Amino acid sequence: MVLEVAHIPVLSGHEEAFERALNQAATTVLVRADGFLNFTAYGWCVERPSVFLFTIEWNTLDDHVVGFRGSDLFGEWRALIGEHFDGAPVVEHFAVR
């Protein structure tokens, strides 16, 4: 399993709208992705209050970076949450043992 860890900088004043959009994207888009296992929203960073943390569990790295990102689902995902971004997200992947 691979854990995607995402730090998303969110525009000031968009916090509530972002959380709603993220929940919608997770429950309507991610669930249709091959290799998707689980989504967890953690919340806002203490030191950087405009940054939101979430994780996504995937079967493999390719399920995320090739399958999902290369699919129409990624466009749907970004259409829902992307308008709230204040810069590029930081996304990293971890091998879970």
N, C-alpha and C. Protein backbone atom coordinates (compact mmCIF):
# COMPACT_ATOMS: atom_id res chain seq x y z
N MET A 1 0.84 -1.17 0.00
CA MET A 1 0.00 0.00 0.00
C MET A 1 0.88 1.24 0.00
N VAL A 2 0.39 2.29 -0.63
CA VAL A 2 1.08 3.57 -0.68
C VAL A 2 0.16 4.64 -0.09
N LEU A 3 0.75 5.47 0.76
CA LEU A 3 0.01 6.56 1.39
C LEU A 3 0.40 7.88 0.72
N GLU A 4 -0.57 8.53 0.11
CA GLU A 4 -0.37 9.87 -0.45
C GLU A 4 -0.65 10.87 0.67
N VAL A 5 0.30 11.77 0.91
CA VAL A 5 0.14 12.81 1.92
C VAL A 5 0.13 14.14 1.20
N ALA A 6 -0.96 14.88 1.35
CA ALA A 6 -1.12 16.13 0.62
C ALA A 6 -1.29 17.31 1.56
N HIS A 7 -0.48 18.34 1.33
CA HIS A 7 -0.58 19.62 2.02
C HIS A 7 -1.10 20.61 0.99
N ILE A 8 -2.30 21.15 1.21
CA ILE A 8 -2.94 22.01 0.23
C ILE A 8 -3.03 23.43 0.76
N PRO A 9 -2.34 24.39 0.12
CA PRO A 9 -2.50 25.79 0.51
C PRO A 9 -3.83 26.31 -0.04
N VAL A 10 -4.63 26.89 0.82
CA VAL A 10 -5.98 27.32 0.46
C VAL A 10 -6.09 28.84 0.56
N LEU A 11 -6.77 29.40 -0.42
CA LEU A 11 -6.98 30.85 -0.45
C LEU A 11 -7.71 31.32 0.81
N SER A 12 -7.31 32.48 1.31
CA SER A 12 -7.97 33.06 2.47
C SER A 12 -9.45 33.30 2.15
N GLY A 13 -10.30 32.90 3.07
CA GLY A 13 -11.73 33.05 2.89
C GLY A 13 -12.39 31.88 2.19
N HIS A 14 -11.60 30.93 1.72
CA HIS A 14 -12.14 29.76 1.01
C HIS A 14 -12.15 28.50 1.87
N GLU A 15 -11.81 28.62 3.13
CA GLU A 15 -11.63 27.44 3.98
C GLU A 15 -12.86 26.54 4.03
N GLU A 16 -14.01 27.11 4.32
CA GLU A 16 -15.23 26.29 4.42
C GLU A 16 -15.62 25.72 3.07
N ALA A 17 -15.53 26.53 2.03
CA ALA A 17 -15.87 26.05 0.68
C ALA A 17 -14.92 24.94 0.24
N PHE A 18 -13.65 25.08 0.58
CA PHE A 18 -12.68 24.04 0.25
C PHE A 18 -13.03 22.73 0.94
N GLU A 19 -13.33 22.79 2.22
CA GLU A 19 -13.66 21.56 2.96
C GLU A 19 -14.90 20.89 2.37
N ARG A 20 -15.90 21.66 2.00
CA ARG A 20 -17.10 21.09 1.37
C ARG A 20 -16.75 20.44 0.03
N ALA A 21 -15.97 21.16 -0.78
CA ALA A 21 -15.58 20.65 -2.09
C ALA A 21 -14.73 19.39 -1.96
N LEU A 22 -13.82 19.39 -0.99
CA LEU A 22 -12.96 18.23 -0.78
C LEU A 22 -13.78 17.02 -0.38
N ASN A 23 -14.73 17.20 0.50
CA ASN A 23 -15.60 16.10 0.91
C ASN A 23 -16.38 15.57 -0.29
N GLN A 24 -16.91 16.47 -1.10
CA GLN A 24 -17.64 16.05 -2.29
C GLN A 24 -16.72 15.29 -3.25
N ALA A 25 -15.52 15.80 -3.47
CA ALA A 25 -14.57 15.16 -4.38
C ALA A 25 -14.18 13.77 -3.87
N ALA A 26 -14.00 13.64 -2.58
CA ALA A 26 -13.61 12.36 -2.01
C ALA A 26 -14.74 11.33 -2.12
N THR A 27 -15.96 11.77 -1.90
CA THR A 27 -17.08 10.82 -1.87
C THR A 27 -17.69 10.54 -3.24
N THR A 28 -17.41 11.39 -4.22
CA THR A 28 -18.00 11.18 -5.55
C THR A 28 -16.98 10.85 -6.63
N VAL A 29 -15.72 11.24 -6.44
CA VAL A 29 -14.71 11.02 -7.47
C VAL A 29 -13.72 9.94 -7.05
N LEU A 30 -13.08 10.13 -5.90
CA LEU A 30 -12.06 9.16 -5.48
C LEU A 30 -12.59 7.74 -5.40
N VAL A 31 -13.80 7.59 -4.93
CA VAL A 31 -14.36 6.26 -4.75
C VAL A 31 -14.48 5.48 -6.06
N ARG A 32 -14.41 6.17 -7.20
CA ARG A 32 -14.50 5.52 -8.51
C ARG A 32 -13.13 5.19 -9.09
N ALA A 33 -12.06 5.58 -8.40
CA ALA A 33 -10.71 5.40 -8.94
C ALA A 33 -10.19 3.99 -8.65
N ASP A 34 -9.61 3.37 -9.67
CA ASP A 34 -8.98 2.07 -9.48
C ASP A 34 -7.82 2.19 -8.50
N GLY A 35 -7.76 1.28 -7.57
CA GLY A 35 -6.67 1.27 -6.60
C GLY A 35 -6.88 2.15 -5.38
N PHE A 36 -7.97 2.91 -5.35
CA PHE A 36 -8.27 3.76 -4.19
C PHE A 36 -8.70 2.88 -3.02
N LEU A 37 -8.15 3.17 -1.84
CA LEU A 37 -8.49 2.41 -0.64
C LEU A 37 -9.20 3.23 0.43
N ASN A 38 -8.66 4.42 0.71
CA ASN A 38 -9.22 5.20 1.82
C ASN A 38 -8.79 6.66 1.71
N PHE A 39 -9.63 7.54 2.20
CA PHE A 39 -9.36 8.98 2.26
C PHE A 39 -9.55 9.44 3.70
N THR A 40 -8.61 10.25 4.21
CA THR A 40 -8.75 10.83 5.55
C THR A 40 -8.40 12.30 5.49
N ALA A 41 -9.33 13.14 5.93
CA ALA A 41 -9.08 14.58 6.04
C ALA A 41 -8.68 14.86 7.48
N TYR A 42 -7.53 15.51 7.67
CA TYR A 42 -7.03 15.77 9.01
C TYR A 42 -7.35 17.16 9.50
N GLY A 43 -7.21 18.16 8.66
CA GLY A 43 -7.54 19.51 9.08
C GLY A 43 -6.44 20.51 8.78
N TRP A 44 -6.53 21.61 9.47
CA TRP A 44 -5.70 22.78 9.20
C TRP A 44 -4.41 22.77 10.02
N CYS A 45 -3.34 23.22 9.40
CA CYS A 45 -2.04 23.29 10.04
C CYS A 45 -2.03 24.37 11.13
N VAL A 46 -1.40 24.09 12.23
CA VAL A 46 -1.30 25.05 13.32
C VAL A 46 -0.34 26.18 12.96
N GLU A 47 0.83 25.82 12.42
CA GLU A 47 1.84 26.84 12.08
C GLU A 47 1.51 27.60 10.80
N ARG A 48 0.83 26.95 9.87
CA ARG A 48 0.44 27.58 8.61
C ARG A 48 -1.06 27.38 8.44
N PRO A 49 -1.88 28.24 9.05
CA PRO A 49 -3.32 28.03 9.14
C PRO A 49 -4.06 27.94 7.81
N SER A 50 -3.42 28.31 6.72
CA SER A 50 -4.09 28.22 5.42
C SER A 50 -3.79 26.91 4.70
N VAL A 51 -3.09 25.99 5.36
CA VAL A 51 -2.71 24.72 4.74
C VAL A 51 -3.53 23.58 5.35
N PHE A 52 -4.15 22.80 4.47
CA PHE A 52 -4.99 21.67 4.87
C PHE A 52 -4.27 20.37 4.57
N LEU A 53 -4.36 19.40 5.47
CA LEU A 53 -3.70 18.11 5.32
C LEU A 53 -4.74 17.01 5.12
N PHE A 54 -4.51 16.19 4.08
CA PHE A 54 -5.28 14.96 3.94
C PHE A 54 -4.39 13.85 3.41
N THR A 55 -4.85 12.61 3.59
CA THR A 55 -4.13 11.46 3.05
C THR A 55 -5.09 10.62 2.23
N ILE A 56 -4.49 9.91 1.26
CA ILE A 56 -5.24 8.96 0.46
C ILE A 56 -4.42 7.67 0.40
N GLU A 57 -5.05 6.56 0.69
CA GLU A 57 -4.39 5.27 0.58
C GLU A 57 -4.69 4.67 -0.79
N TRP A 58 -3.62 4.23 -1.46
CA TRP A 58 -3.72 3.60 -2.78
C TRP A 58 -3.10 2.22 -2.71
N ASN A 59 -3.55 1.31 -3.55
CA ASN A 59 -2.92 -0.01 -3.64
C ASN A 59 -1.47 0.12 -4.04
N THR A 60 -1.20 0.91 -5.10
CA THR A 60 0.15 1.09 -5.61
C THR A 60 0.38 2.55 -5.96
N LEU A 61 1.63 2.93 -6.11
CA LEU A 61 1.97 4.29 -6.55
C LEU A 61 1.39 4.56 -7.93
N ASP A 62 1.49 3.57 -8.83
CA ASP A 62 0.95 3.75 -10.18
C ASP A 62 -0.56 3.97 -10.19
N ASP A 63 -1.27 3.39 -9.22
CA ASP A 63 -2.72 3.65 -9.15
C ASP A 63 -2.99 5.13 -9.03
N HIS A 64 -2.12 5.84 -8.31
CA HIS A 64 -2.30 7.28 -8.15
C HIS A 64 -1.70 8.06 -9.31
N VAL A 65 -0.38 7.93 -9.51
CA VAL A 65 0.31 8.84 -10.44
C VAL A 65 0.08 8.51 -11.90
N VAL A 66 -0.23 7.28 -12.23
CA VAL A 66 -0.51 6.93 -13.62
C VAL A 66 -2.01 6.80 -13.84
N GLY A 67 -2.64 5.91 -13.07
CA GLY A 67 -4.06 5.64 -13.26
C GLY A 67 -4.95 6.84 -12.98
N PHE A 68 -4.91 7.33 -11.75
CA PHE A 68 -5.81 8.43 -11.37
C PHE A 68 -5.44 9.73 -12.05
N ARG A 69 -4.19 10.13 -11.95
CA ARG A 69 -3.79 11.41 -12.54
C ARG A 69 -3.92 11.42 -14.06
N GLY A 70 -3.85 10.27 -14.67
CA GLY A 70 -3.98 10.18 -16.12
C GLY A 70 -5.40 9.97 -16.60
N SER A 71 -6.36 10.00 -15.68
CA SER A 71 -7.75 9.71 -16.03
C SER A 71 -8.61 10.97 -16.02
N ASP A 72 -9.81 10.83 -16.56
CA ASP A 72 -10.79 11.91 -16.51
C ASP A 72 -11.20 12.22 -15.07
N LEU A 73 -11.09 11.24 -14.19
CA LEU A 73 -11.44 11.46 -12.79
C LEU A 73 -10.59 12.57 -12.17
N PHE A 74 -9.31 12.64 -12.56
CA PHE A 74 -8.45 13.68 -12.01
C PHE A 74 -8.97 15.07 -12.41
N GLY A 75 -9.46 15.20 -13.62
CA GLY A 75 -10.06 16.47 -14.04
C GLY A 75 -11.27 16.82 -13.20
N GLU A 76 -12.09 15.83 -12.89
CA GLU A 76 -13.26 16.06 -12.03
C GLU A 76 -12.81 16.49 -10.63
N TRP A 77 -11.81 15.79 -10.10
CA TRP A 77 -11.26 16.09 -8.77
C TRP A 77 -10.77 17.53 -8.71
N ARG A 78 -9.94 17.90 -9.69
CA ARG A 78 -9.36 19.25 -9.70
C ARG A 78 -10.43 20.32 -9.94
N ALA A 79 -11.44 20.01 -10.74
CA ALA A 79 -12.51 20.97 -10.98
C ALA A 79 -13.25 21.31 -9.69
N LEU A 80 -13.36 20.34 -8.80
CA LEU A 80 -14.06 20.57 -7.54
C LEU A 80 -13.21 21.33 -6.52
N ILE A 81 -11.94 21.00 -6.42
CA ILE A 81 -11.14 21.59 -5.33
C ILE A 81 -10.12 22.63 -5.79
N GLY A 82 -9.73 22.58 -7.06
CA GLY A 82 -8.62 23.41 -7.54
C GLY A 82 -8.83 24.91 -7.45
N GLU A 83 -10.07 25.36 -7.56
CA GLU A 83 -10.33 26.80 -7.51
C GLU A 83 -10.01 27.41 -6.14
N HIS A 84 -9.83 26.58 -5.15
CA HIS A 84 -9.56 27.05 -3.79
C HIS A 84 -8.06 27.06 -3.45
N PHE A 85 -7.23 26.56 -4.35
CA PHE A 85 -5.79 26.47 -4.09
C PHE A 85 -5.14 27.84 -4.11
N ASP A 86 -4.22 28.04 -3.20
CA ASP A 86 -3.38 29.24 -3.17
C ASP A 86 -1.94 28.79 -3.42
N GLY A 87 -1.69 28.33 -4.63
CA GLY A 87 -0.38 27.81 -4.97
C GLY A 87 -0.43 26.32 -5.16
N ALA A 88 0.72 25.76 -5.44
CA ALA A 88 0.81 24.34 -5.74
C ALA A 88 0.74 23.50 -4.47
N PRO A 89 -0.02 22.40 -4.51
CA PRO A 89 -0.04 21.47 -3.39
C PRO A 89 1.32 20.77 -3.26
N VAL A 90 1.63 20.33 -2.06
CA VAL A 90 2.79 19.48 -1.83
C VAL A 90 2.25 18.08 -1.60
N VAL A 91 2.61 17.17 -2.50
CA VAL A 91 2.11 15.79 -2.44
C VAL A 91 3.31 14.85 -2.41
N GLU A 92 3.32 13.97 -1.42
CA GLU A 92 4.38 12.97 -1.29
C GLU A 92 3.75 11.61 -1.07
N HIS A 93 4.51 10.57 -1.37
CA HIS A 93 4.02 9.20 -1.25
C HIS A 93 4.92 8.42 -0.30
N PHE A 94 4.30 7.60 0.54
CA PHE A 94 5.02 6.80 1.52
C PHE A 94 4.63 5.34 1.38
N ALA A 95 5.63 4.47 1.41
CA ALA A 95 5.38 3.04 1.43
C ALA A 95 4.96 2.65 2.84
N VAL A 96 3.80 2.04 2.94
CA VAL A 96 3.29 1.62 4.24
C VAL A 96 3.57 0.14 4.40
N ARG A 97 4.14 -0.22 5.53
CA ARG A 97 4.49 -1.63 5.78
C ARG A 97 3.48 -2.28 6.68
